[in-house]
């Protein structure tokens, strides 16, 4: 069973220095918006990097994602390491619940996250080429299959060529910033900790 913590309790632990908050969302999600106290450690890299952090047993570890699902997975994975002796918690409701409580969040940029842009483009292309296949152009099914295979490859390896291409597009460049809320850590809204 995974221990959970409410956003209010987590905020108190973090303010007192009793806990470490680890955001397990992907880097582009973290960059777009994150909890003021959060450290970014994507779930895809958790197994290789978490044991190296040397988290003291005296501090609680809180995993957080957008809604709580990936945080729960991170808790289950972290619990399997014998060298992690700290208490492990999942933030109930993730970032969405944190924001609902009006707790500090750092906003970096506007627009759709790259992950959603990939979903829209790949989904649209698959739908388009599938329609072409149904109207008699067999290559439509083949191209739709290739795109689906590429998505599967991206999910398995963490490498996505389309995401890399989208990350250098002008609408995804740094400088597209939203207003930043300052955080209690004194970073003026520019922290990555």
N, C-alpha and C. Protein backbone atom coordinates (compact mmCIF):
# COMPACT_ATOMS: atom_id res chain seq x y z
N UNK A 1 0.84 -1.19 0.00
CA UNK A 1 0.00 0.00 0.00
C UNK A 1 0.88 1.25 0.00
N UNK A 2 0.49 2.25 -0.76
CA UNK A 2 1.24 3.49 -0.88
C UNK A 2 0.70 4.51 0.13
N UNK A 3 1.61 5.14 0.88
CA UNK A 3 1.22 6.22 1.78
C UNK A 3 0.92 7.46 0.96
N UNK A 4 -0.10 8.21 1.35
CA UNK A 4 -0.42 9.46 0.66
C UNK A 4 -0.36 10.61 1.66
N UNK A 5 -0.20 11.81 1.12
CA UNK A 5 -0.18 13.02 1.93
C UNK A 5 -0.99 14.08 1.20
N UNK A 6 -1.73 14.88 1.95
CA UNK A 6 -2.52 15.96 1.35
C UNK A 6 -1.61 17.11 0.95
N UNK A 7 -2.04 17.93 0.02
CA UNK A 7 -1.22 19.09 -0.36
C UNK A 7 -0.89 20.00 0.82
N UNK A 8 -1.84 20.24 1.71
CA UNK A 8 -1.60 21.13 2.86
C UNK A 8 -0.54 20.56 3.79
N UNK A 9 -0.64 19.24 4.08
CA UNK A 9 0.35 18.60 4.96
C UNK A 9 1.72 18.59 4.30
N UNK A 10 1.75 18.30 2.99
CA UNK A 10 3.02 18.29 2.25
C UNK A 10 3.67 19.67 2.29
N UNK A 11 2.86 20.71 2.08
CA UNK A 11 3.39 22.08 2.11
C UNK A 11 4.01 22.39 3.46
N UNK A 12 3.37 21.93 4.53
CA UNK A 12 3.90 22.16 5.87
C UNK A 12 5.22 21.42 6.06
N UNK A 13 5.28 20.15 5.65
CA UNK A 13 6.52 19.38 5.77
C UNK A 13 7.65 20.05 4.98
N UNK A 14 7.33 20.50 3.76
CA UNK A 14 8.35 21.13 2.92
C UNK A 14 8.85 22.44 3.52
N UNK A 15 7.92 23.26 4.02
CA UNK A 15 8.28 24.53 4.63
C UNK A 15 9.17 24.34 5.86
N UNK A 16 8.94 23.24 6.60
CA UNK A 16 9.72 22.95 7.80
C UNK A 16 11.02 22.22 7.50
N UNK A 17 11.23 21.83 6.23
CA UNK A 17 12.43 21.09 5.87
C UNK A 17 12.38 19.62 6.25
N UNK A 18 11.16 19.11 6.51
CA UNK A 18 11.00 17.72 6.94
C UNK A 18 10.90 16.75 5.77
N UNK A 19 10.74 17.28 4.54
CA UNK A 19 10.50 16.40 3.39
C UNK A 19 11.21 16.92 2.15
N UNK A 20 11.37 16.02 1.20
CA UNK A 20 11.90 16.34 -0.12
C UNK A 20 10.79 16.02 -1.12
N UNK A 21 10.52 16.95 -2.02
CA UNK A 21 9.48 16.75 -3.04
C UNK A 21 10.14 16.42 -4.37
N UNK A 22 9.75 15.28 -4.95
CA UNK A 22 10.30 14.86 -6.24
C UNK A 22 9.17 14.80 -7.26
N UNK A 23 9.28 15.63 -8.29
CA UNK A 23 8.32 15.68 -9.39
C UNK A 23 8.74 14.64 -10.42
N UNK A 24 7.89 13.63 -10.64
CA UNK A 24 8.25 12.53 -11.54
C UNK A 24 7.69 12.70 -12.95
N UNK A 25 7.17 13.90 -13.25
CA UNK A 25 6.71 14.15 -14.62
C UNK A 25 7.92 14.36 -15.52
N UNK A 26 7.70 14.32 -16.81
CA UNK A 26 8.81 14.50 -17.76
C UNK A 26 9.31 15.94 -17.72
N UNK A 27 10.52 16.16 -18.22
CA UNK A 27 11.19 17.45 -18.11
C UNK A 27 10.40 18.60 -18.73
N UNK A 28 9.74 18.37 -19.87
CA UNK A 28 8.99 19.47 -20.49
C UNK A 28 7.76 19.84 -19.66
N UNK A 29 7.15 18.86 -19.00
CA UNK A 29 6.02 19.15 -18.12
C UNK A 29 6.50 19.97 -16.91
N UNK A 30 7.62 19.56 -16.34
CA UNK A 30 8.20 20.27 -15.20
C UNK A 30 8.56 21.70 -15.59
N UNK A 31 9.15 21.86 -16.75
CA UNK A 31 9.56 23.18 -17.22
C UNK A 31 8.37 24.12 -17.38
N UNK A 32 7.26 23.59 -17.84
CA UNK A 32 6.09 24.42 -18.08
C UNK A 32 5.46 24.89 -16.76
N UNK A 33 5.47 24.01 -15.75
CA UNK A 33 4.83 24.35 -14.48
C UNK A 33 5.25 23.33 -13.44
N UNK A 34 5.61 23.82 -12.26
CA UNK A 34 5.96 22.90 -11.18
C UNK A 34 5.75 23.54 -9.82
N UNK A 35 5.66 22.68 -8.83
CA UNK A 35 5.53 23.13 -7.45
C UNK A 35 6.84 23.80 -7.05
N UNK A 36 6.73 24.88 -6.29
CA UNK A 36 7.89 25.70 -5.96
C UNK A 36 9.02 24.92 -5.30
N UNK A 37 8.72 23.92 -4.51
CA UNK A 37 9.76 23.17 -3.79
C UNK A 37 10.27 21.95 -4.56
N UNK A 38 9.73 21.67 -5.72
CA UNK A 38 9.97 20.39 -6.40
C UNK A 38 11.35 20.25 -7.02
N UNK A 39 11.84 19.03 -6.97
CA UNK A 39 13.04 18.60 -7.70
C UNK A 39 12.57 17.74 -8.85
N UNK A 40 13.09 17.93 -10.03
CA UNK A 40 12.68 17.15 -11.19
C UNK A 40 13.48 15.86 -11.30
N UNK A 41 12.79 14.73 -11.29
CA UNK A 41 13.39 13.42 -11.51
C UNK A 41 12.34 12.58 -12.23
N UNK A 42 12.33 12.64 -13.57
CA UNK A 42 11.29 11.95 -14.34
C UNK A 42 11.20 10.46 -14.00
N UNK A 43 9.98 9.95 -14.00
CA UNK A 43 9.73 8.54 -13.70
C UNK A 43 10.57 7.64 -14.59
N UNK A 44 10.81 8.05 -15.83
CA UNK A 44 11.60 7.25 -16.77
C UNK A 44 13.06 7.11 -16.33
N UNK A 45 13.53 7.98 -15.44
CA UNK A 45 14.92 7.94 -14.97
C UNK A 45 15.03 7.61 -13.49
N UNK A 46 13.90 7.37 -12.85
CA UNK A 46 13.86 7.17 -11.41
C UNK A 46 14.72 5.99 -10.97
N UNK A 47 14.59 4.85 -11.64
CA UNK A 47 15.32 3.65 -11.22
C UNK A 47 16.83 3.85 -11.21
N UNK A 48 17.34 4.61 -12.18
CA UNK A 48 18.79 4.78 -12.26
C UNK A 48 19.31 5.91 -11.36
N UNK A 49 18.50 6.94 -11.09
CA UNK A 49 19.00 8.11 -10.37
C UNK A 49 18.62 8.18 -8.90
N UNK A 50 17.47 7.63 -8.52
CA UNK A 50 17.01 7.76 -7.13
C UNK A 50 18.00 7.19 -6.13
N UNK A 51 18.55 6.00 -6.35
CA UNK A 51 19.50 5.47 -5.36
C UNK A 51 20.75 6.34 -5.17
N UNK A 52 21.07 7.16 -6.16
CA UNK A 52 22.26 8.01 -6.09
C UNK A 52 22.05 9.30 -5.29
N UNK A 53 20.79 9.62 -4.97
CA UNK A 53 20.51 10.89 -4.29
C UNK A 53 20.96 10.91 -2.84
N UNK A 54 21.08 9.78 -2.22
CA UNK A 54 21.52 9.75 -0.82
C UNK A 54 20.55 10.47 0.11
N UNK A 55 19.29 10.17 0.00
CA UNK A 55 18.26 10.84 0.81
C UNK A 55 18.38 10.37 2.25
N UNK A 56 18.52 11.30 3.21
CA UNK A 56 18.64 10.90 4.61
C UNK A 56 17.34 10.28 5.13
N UNK A 57 17.48 9.31 6.03
CA UNK A 57 16.32 8.62 6.59
C UNK A 57 15.44 9.58 7.40
N UNK A 58 16.00 10.68 7.85
CA UNK A 58 15.26 11.63 8.68
C UNK A 58 14.28 12.49 7.88
N UNK A 59 14.39 12.49 6.55
CA UNK A 59 13.49 13.31 5.73
C UNK A 59 12.52 12.43 4.97
N UNK A 60 11.29 12.86 4.91
CA UNK A 60 10.27 12.16 4.16
C UNK A 60 10.48 12.44 2.67
N UNK A 61 10.11 11.49 1.82
CA UNK A 61 10.18 11.68 0.37
C UNK A 61 8.75 11.71 -0.15
N UNK A 62 8.41 12.79 -0.85
CA UNK A 62 7.08 12.93 -1.44
C UNK A 62 7.24 12.91 -2.96
N UNK A 63 6.57 11.95 -3.60
CA UNK A 63 6.57 11.91 -5.06
C UNK A 63 5.30 12.60 -5.55
N UNK A 64 5.44 13.30 -6.68
CA UNK A 64 4.33 14.09 -7.20
C UNK A 64 4.34 14.04 -8.71
N UNK A 65 3.14 13.98 -9.31
CA UNK A 65 2.99 14.08 -10.76
C UNK A 65 1.81 15.02 -11.03
N UNK A 66 1.16 14.88 -12.16
CA UNK A 66 0.05 15.78 -12.48
C UNK A 66 -1.20 15.46 -11.66
N UNK A 67 -1.58 14.16 -11.60
CA UNK A 67 -2.81 13.77 -10.90
C UNK A 67 -2.62 12.73 -9.81
N UNK A 68 -1.47 12.07 -9.77
CA UNK A 68 -1.20 11.09 -8.72
C UNK A 68 -0.82 9.70 -9.20
N UNK A 69 -1.10 9.37 -10.44
CA UNK A 69 -0.82 8.02 -10.95
C UNK A 69 0.65 7.69 -11.07
N UNK A 70 1.41 8.57 -11.70
CA UNK A 70 2.85 8.34 -11.83
C UNK A 70 3.55 8.44 -10.48
N UNK A 71 3.03 9.30 -9.61
CA UNK A 71 3.58 9.40 -8.25
C UNK A 71 3.41 8.09 -7.50
N UNK A 72 2.27 7.45 -7.68
CA UNK A 72 2.01 6.16 -7.04
C UNK A 72 2.99 5.10 -7.55
N UNK A 73 3.23 5.10 -8.86
CA UNK A 73 4.21 4.17 -9.44
C UNK A 73 5.60 4.43 -8.88
N UNK A 74 5.97 5.70 -8.76
CA UNK A 74 7.28 6.06 -8.20
C UNK A 74 7.40 5.57 -6.76
N UNK A 75 6.34 5.71 -5.97
CA UNK A 75 6.36 5.22 -4.58
C UNK A 75 6.60 3.72 -4.54
N UNK A 76 5.90 2.99 -5.41
CA UNK A 76 6.06 1.53 -5.45
C UNK A 76 7.48 1.15 -5.84
N UNK A 77 8.03 1.84 -6.84
CA UNK A 77 9.40 1.56 -7.28
C UNK A 77 10.42 1.91 -6.20
N UNK A 78 10.25 3.06 -5.57
CA UNK A 78 11.21 3.51 -4.55
C UNK A 78 11.19 2.60 -3.34
N UNK A 79 10.05 2.05 -3.03
CA UNK A 79 9.94 1.15 -1.89
C UNK A 79 10.73 -0.13 -2.05
N UNK A 80 11.11 -0.45 -3.28
CA UNK A 80 11.86 -1.69 -3.54
C UNK A 80 13.37 -1.54 -3.34
N UNK A 81 13.85 -0.32 -3.11
CA UNK A 81 15.28 -0.10 -2.91
C UNK A 81 15.62 -0.25 -1.43
N UNK A 82 16.56 -1.12 -1.12
CA UNK A 82 16.93 -1.35 0.28
C UNK A 82 17.68 -0.15 0.87
N UNK A 83 18.33 0.66 0.01
CA UNK A 83 19.09 1.80 0.54
C UNK A 83 18.24 3.06 0.73
N UNK A 84 16.95 3.01 0.38
CA UNK A 84 16.04 4.12 0.63
C UNK A 84 15.29 3.79 1.92
N UNK A 85 15.68 4.44 3.02
CA UNK A 85 15.07 4.14 4.32
C UNK A 85 14.11 5.23 4.78
N UNK A 86 13.98 6.30 4.02
CA UNK A 86 13.08 7.40 4.36
C UNK A 86 11.63 6.96 4.16
N UNK A 87 10.73 7.64 4.86
CA UNK A 87 9.30 7.40 4.65
C UNK A 87 8.93 7.94 3.27
N UNK A 88 8.12 7.18 2.52
CA UNK A 88 7.78 7.54 1.14
C UNK A 88 6.28 7.82 1.04
N UNK A 89 5.94 8.94 0.38
CA UNK A 89 4.55 9.35 0.23
C UNK A 89 4.27 9.77 -1.21
N UNK A 90 3.00 9.65 -1.60
CA UNK A 90 2.51 10.16 -2.87
C UNK A 90 1.63 11.36 -2.57
N UNK A 91 1.82 12.46 -3.28
CA UNK A 91 0.99 13.64 -3.09
C UNK A 91 -0.40 13.38 -3.65
N UNK A 92 -1.40 13.38 -2.79
CA UNK A 92 -2.78 13.12 -3.21
C UNK A 92 -3.22 14.12 -4.27
N UNK A 93 -3.64 13.63 -5.42
CA UNK A 93 -4.14 14.50 -6.48
C UNK A 93 -3.06 15.23 -7.27
N UNK A 94 -1.80 15.04 -6.90
CA UNK A 94 -0.68 15.62 -7.64
C UNK A 94 -0.72 17.14 -7.73
N UNK A 95 -0.15 17.64 -8.81
CA UNK A 95 -0.07 19.09 -9.04
C UNK A 95 -1.45 19.72 -9.11
N UNK A 96 -2.41 19.01 -9.69
CA UNK A 96 -3.76 19.57 -9.80
C UNK A 96 -4.36 19.88 -8.43
N UNK A 97 -4.19 18.95 -7.47
CA UNK A 97 -4.71 19.18 -6.12
C UNK A 97 -3.94 20.29 -5.41
N UNK A 98 -2.63 20.33 -5.64
CA UNK A 98 -1.79 21.39 -5.05
C UNK A 98 -2.30 22.76 -5.50
N UNK A 99 -2.56 22.91 -6.80
CA UNK A 99 -3.04 24.19 -7.33
C UNK A 99 -4.44 24.50 -6.81
N UNK A 100 -5.27 23.48 -6.64
CA UNK A 100 -6.63 23.69 -6.12
C UNK A 100 -6.60 24.27 -4.71
N UNK A 101 -5.52 24.01 -3.98
CA UNK A 101 -5.34 24.54 -2.63
C UNK A 101 -4.65 25.91 -2.64
N UNK A 102 -4.41 26.46 -3.83
CA UNK A 102 -3.74 27.77 -3.99
C UNK A 102 -2.36 27.81 -3.36
N UNK A 103 -1.63 26.71 -3.48
CA UNK A 103 -0.26 26.64 -2.99
C UNK A 103 0.69 27.09 -4.10
N UNK A 104 1.93 27.51 -3.77
CA UNK A 104 2.82 28.12 -4.77
C UNK A 104 3.23 27.19 -5.91
N UNK A 105 3.10 27.72 -7.12
CA UNK A 105 3.46 27.02 -8.35
C UNK A 105 4.29 27.96 -9.20
N UNK A 106 5.30 27.41 -9.86
CA UNK A 106 6.14 28.18 -10.77
C UNK A 106 5.66 27.91 -12.19
N UNK A 107 5.29 28.97 -12.91
CA UNK A 107 4.88 28.85 -14.31
C UNK A 107 6.02 29.33 -15.18
N UNK A 108 6.40 28.55 -16.17
CA UNK A 108 7.52 28.93 -17.03
C UNK A 108 7.10 29.42 -18.41
N UNK A 109 6.19 28.74 -19.04
CA UNK A 109 5.82 29.16 -20.39
C UNK A 109 4.38 28.78 -20.68
N UNK A 110 3.84 29.40 -21.68
CA UNK A 110 2.48 29.11 -22.08
C UNK A 110 2.48 28.13 -23.24
N UNK A 111 1.32 27.78 -23.68
CA UNK A 111 1.21 26.87 -24.82
C UNK A 111 1.10 25.43 -24.39
N UNK A 112 0.95 24.58 -25.37
CA UNK A 112 0.81 23.16 -25.10
C UNK A 112 2.16 22.52 -24.79
N UNK A 113 2.18 21.61 -23.81
CA UNK A 113 3.43 20.87 -23.57
C UNK A 113 3.80 20.05 -24.81
N UNK A 114 5.07 19.82 -25.00
CA UNK A 114 5.54 19.08 -26.17
C UNK A 114 4.91 17.71 -26.24
N UNK A 115 4.73 17.06 -25.09
CA UNK A 115 4.11 15.73 -25.07
C UNK A 115 2.72 15.78 -25.73
N UNK A 116 1.93 16.79 -25.41
CA UNK A 116 0.59 16.91 -26.02
C UNK A 116 0.69 17.25 -27.49
N UNK A 117 1.68 18.06 -27.88
CA UNK A 117 1.86 18.37 -29.30
C UNK A 117 2.16 17.09 -30.09
N UNK A 118 3.01 16.23 -29.52
CA UNK A 118 3.32 14.94 -30.17
C UNK A 118 2.05 14.12 -30.31
N UNK A 119 1.24 14.05 -29.27
CA UNK A 119 0.00 13.28 -29.32
C UNK A 119 -0.94 13.81 -30.41
N UNK A 120 -1.07 15.12 -30.49
CA UNK A 120 -1.97 15.72 -31.49
C UNK A 120 -1.47 15.44 -32.90
N UNK A 121 -0.18 15.64 -33.14
CA UNK A 121 0.37 15.44 -34.48
C UNK A 121 0.31 13.97 -34.88
N UNK A 122 0.81 13.10 -34.00
CA UNK A 122 0.83 11.66 -34.33
C UNK A 122 -0.59 11.12 -34.48
N UNK A 123 -1.48 11.49 -33.58
CA UNK A 123 -2.87 11.04 -33.68
C UNK A 123 -3.55 11.53 -34.94
N UNK A 124 -3.31 12.79 -35.28
CA UNK A 124 -3.89 13.35 -36.51
C UNK A 124 -3.37 12.66 -37.76
N UNK A 125 -2.06 12.40 -37.79
CA UNK A 125 -1.47 11.70 -38.94
C UNK A 125 -2.00 10.27 -39.07
N UNK A 126 -2.10 9.57 -37.94
CA UNK A 126 -2.62 8.20 -37.98
C UNK A 126 -4.06 8.20 -38.48
N UNK A 127 -4.87 9.13 -37.98
CA UNK A 127 -6.26 9.21 -38.44
C UNK A 127 -6.33 9.52 -39.93
N UNK A 128 -5.53 10.48 -40.39
CA UNK A 128 -5.53 10.86 -41.81
C UNK A 128 -5.14 9.69 -42.70
N UNK A 129 -4.03 9.02 -42.36
CA UNK A 129 -3.56 7.93 -43.21
C UNK A 129 -4.47 6.70 -43.12
N UNK A 130 -5.13 6.50 -42.00
CA UNK A 130 -6.10 5.41 -41.89
C UNK A 130 -7.29 5.67 -42.80
N UNK A 131 -7.75 6.91 -42.85
CA UNK A 131 -8.84 7.27 -43.76
C UNK A 131 -8.42 7.03 -45.20
N UNK A 132 -7.19 7.43 -45.54
CA UNK A 132 -6.69 7.16 -46.89
C UNK A 132 -6.70 5.66 -47.19
N UNK A 133 -6.33 4.86 -46.20
CA UNK A 133 -6.35 3.41 -46.37
C UNK A 133 -7.75 2.89 -46.63
N UNK A 134 -8.73 3.42 -45.92
CA UNK A 134 -10.11 2.97 -46.09
C UNK A 134 -10.72 3.39 -47.43
N UNK A 135 -10.19 4.47 -48.01
CA UNK A 135 -10.73 4.86 -49.31
C UNK A 135 -9.99 4.18 -50.47
N UNK A 136 -9.10 3.25 -50.11
CA UNK A 136 -8.48 2.43 -51.14
C UNK A 136 -7.01 2.63 -51.37
N UNK A 137 -6.39 3.56 -50.68
CA UNK A 137 -4.96 3.78 -50.84
C UNK A 137 -4.21 3.00 -49.75
N UNK A 138 -3.77 1.81 -50.09
CA UNK A 138 -3.17 0.88 -49.13
C UNK A 138 -1.99 1.47 -48.38
N UNK A 139 -1.22 2.34 -49.03
CA UNK A 139 -0.06 2.94 -48.37
C UNK A 139 -0.48 3.72 -47.12
N UNK A 140 -1.73 4.17 -47.04
CA UNK A 140 -2.23 4.89 -45.87
C UNK A 140 -2.14 4.03 -44.62
N UNK A 141 -2.54 2.75 -44.75
CA UNK A 141 -2.44 1.83 -43.62
C UNK A 141 -0.98 1.59 -43.23
N UNK A 142 -0.13 1.50 -44.23
CA UNK A 142 1.30 1.24 -43.97
C UNK A 142 1.91 2.41 -43.21
N UNK A 143 1.64 3.63 -43.66
CA UNK A 143 2.21 4.82 -43.00
C UNK A 143 1.64 4.97 -41.59
N UNK A 144 0.34 4.70 -41.43
CA UNK A 144 -0.27 4.76 -40.09
C UNK A 144 0.41 3.75 -39.16
N UNK A 145 0.71 2.57 -39.69
CA UNK A 145 1.41 1.54 -38.90
C UNK A 145 2.81 1.97 -38.52
N UNK A 146 3.51 2.63 -39.45
CA UNK A 146 4.87 3.11 -39.16
C UNK A 146 4.83 4.17 -38.05
N UNK A 147 3.87 5.06 -38.11
CA UNK A 147 3.75 6.10 -37.08
C UNK A 147 3.43 5.46 -35.73
N UNK A 148 2.52 4.50 -35.72
CA UNK A 148 2.19 3.78 -34.48
C UNK A 148 3.41 3.07 -33.91
N UNK A 149 4.20 2.45 -34.77
CA UNK A 149 5.42 1.78 -34.33
C UNK A 149 6.41 2.77 -33.76
N UNK A 150 6.52 3.94 -34.37
CA UNK A 150 7.42 4.98 -33.86
C UNK A 150 6.98 5.44 -32.47
N UNK A 151 5.66 5.56 -32.26
CA UNK A 151 5.16 5.94 -30.93
C UNK A 151 5.49 4.87 -29.90
N UNK A 152 5.34 3.62 -30.27
CA UNK A 152 5.67 2.51 -29.38
C UNK A 152 7.15 2.55 -29.03
N UNK A 153 7.99 2.78 -30.04
CA UNK A 153 9.44 2.88 -29.83
C UNK A 153 9.76 4.03 -28.87
N UNK A 154 9.10 5.16 -29.07
CA UNK A 154 9.33 6.32 -28.19
C UNK A 154 8.94 6.00 -26.76
N UNK A 155 7.82 5.29 -26.59
CA UNK A 155 7.39 4.91 -25.25
C UNK A 155 8.34 3.95 -24.57
N UNK A 156 8.89 3.02 -25.34
CA UNK A 156 9.80 2.02 -24.77
C UNK A 156 11.19 2.57 -24.47
N UNK A 157 11.68 3.46 -25.31
CA UNK A 157 13.06 3.93 -25.17
C UNK A 157 13.19 5.31 -24.53
N UNK A 158 12.13 6.11 -24.57
CA UNK A 158 12.22 7.47 -24.07
C UNK A 158 12.78 8.45 -25.09
N UNK A 159 13.09 7.96 -26.31
CA UNK A 159 13.61 8.81 -27.37
C UNK A 159 12.52 9.04 -28.40
N UNK A 160 12.20 10.29 -28.66
CA UNK A 160 11.15 10.63 -29.62
C UNK A 160 11.67 11.72 -30.55
N UNK A 161 11.89 11.36 -31.80
CA UNK A 161 12.38 12.31 -32.78
C UNK A 161 11.44 13.48 -32.98
N UNK A 162 10.13 13.21 -32.99
CA UNK A 162 9.15 14.29 -33.17
C UNK A 162 9.23 15.27 -32.01
N UNK A 163 9.36 14.77 -30.78
CA UNK A 163 9.47 15.66 -29.63
C UNK A 163 10.74 16.50 -29.71
N UNK A 164 11.83 15.89 -30.17
CA UNK A 164 13.08 16.64 -30.32
C UNK A 164 12.93 17.74 -31.37
N UNK A 165 12.25 17.43 -32.47
CA UNK A 165 12.01 18.42 -33.51
C UNK A 165 11.13 19.55 -32.98
N UNK A 166 10.06 19.19 -32.28
CA UNK A 166 9.15 20.20 -31.74
C UNK A 166 9.84 21.09 -30.70
N UNK A 167 10.79 20.54 -29.96
CA UNK A 167 11.45 21.33 -28.92
C UNK A 167 12.26 22.49 -29.48
N UNK A 168 12.66 22.44 -30.75
CA UNK A 168 13.42 23.55 -31.33
C UNK A 168 12.55 24.49 -32.17
N UNK A 169 11.26 24.23 -32.21
CA UNK A 169 10.35 25.12 -32.94
C UNK A 169 10.20 26.44 -32.19
N UNK A 170 10.00 27.54 -32.92
CA UNK A 170 9.95 28.86 -32.28
C UNK A 170 8.90 28.99 -31.19
N UNK A 171 7.76 28.34 -31.34
CA UNK A 171 6.70 28.47 -30.33
C UNK A 171 7.03 27.70 -29.05
N UNK A 172 8.05 26.86 -29.07
CA UNK A 172 8.45 26.11 -27.88
C UNK A 172 9.76 26.61 -27.28
N UNK A 173 10.30 27.69 -27.81
CA UNK A 173 11.56 28.24 -27.31
C UNK A 173 11.34 28.98 -26.00
N UNK A 174 12.41 29.05 -25.20
CA UNK A 174 12.37 29.85 -23.98
C UNK A 174 12.10 31.29 -24.36
N UNK A 175 11.43 31.96 -23.49
CA UNK A 175 11.08 33.35 -23.78
C UNK A 175 9.58 33.50 -23.92
N UNK A 176 8.89 32.38 -24.17
CA UNK A 176 7.44 32.38 -24.15
C UNK A 176 7.02 32.15 -22.71
N UNK A 177 7.07 33.19 -21.90
CA UNK A 177 6.84 33.01 -20.47
C UNK A 177 5.50 33.56 -20.06
N UNK A 178 4.95 32.91 -19.07
CA UNK A 178 3.73 33.39 -18.43
C UNK A 178 4.14 34.11 -17.16
N UNK A 179 3.20 34.72 -16.50
CA UNK A 179 3.53 35.37 -15.25
C UNK A 179 3.93 34.31 -14.23
N UNK A 180 4.95 34.61 -13.46
CA UNK A 180 5.47 33.65 -12.49
C UNK A 180 4.99 34.05 -11.11
N UNK A 181 4.55 33.07 -10.36
CA UNK A 181 4.21 33.31 -8.97
C UNK A 181 5.48 33.10 -8.16
N UNK A 182 5.75 33.99 -7.25
CA UNK A 182 6.95 33.80 -6.44
C UNK A 182 6.69 32.70 -5.44
N UNK A 183 7.73 32.05 -5.02
CA UNK A 183 7.58 30.94 -4.07
C UNK A 183 8.20 31.31 -2.74
N UNK A 184 7.88 30.50 -1.74
CA UNK A 184 8.39 30.75 -0.41
C UNK A 184 9.88 30.46 -0.28
N UNK A 185 10.48 29.82 -1.29
CA UNK A 185 11.90 29.48 -1.22
C UNK A 185 12.77 30.72 -1.51
N UNK A 186 12.15 31.85 -1.87
CA UNK A 186 12.89 33.06 -2.10
C UNK A 186 13.60 33.13 -3.44
N UNK A 187 13.12 32.35 -4.40
CA UNK A 187 13.80 32.30 -5.69
C UNK A 187 13.24 33.33 -6.66
N UNK A 188 12.17 34.00 -6.29
CA UNK A 188 11.57 34.98 -7.18
C UNK A 188 10.90 34.34 -8.38
N UNK A 189 10.53 33.06 -8.26
CA UNK A 189 9.85 32.37 -9.35
C UNK A 189 10.78 31.77 -10.38
N UNK A 190 12.08 31.73 -10.11
CA UNK A 190 13.02 31.21 -11.08
C UNK A 190 13.74 29.94 -10.63
N UNK A 191 13.20 29.28 -9.61
CA UNK A 191 13.91 28.14 -9.06
C UNK A 191 13.65 26.87 -9.87
N UNK A 192 14.58 25.94 -9.75
CA UNK A 192 14.42 24.60 -10.33
C UNK A 192 14.63 23.56 -9.25
N UNK A 193 14.67 24.01 -8.02
CA UNK A 193 14.91 23.07 -6.94
C UNK A 193 13.64 22.37 -6.53
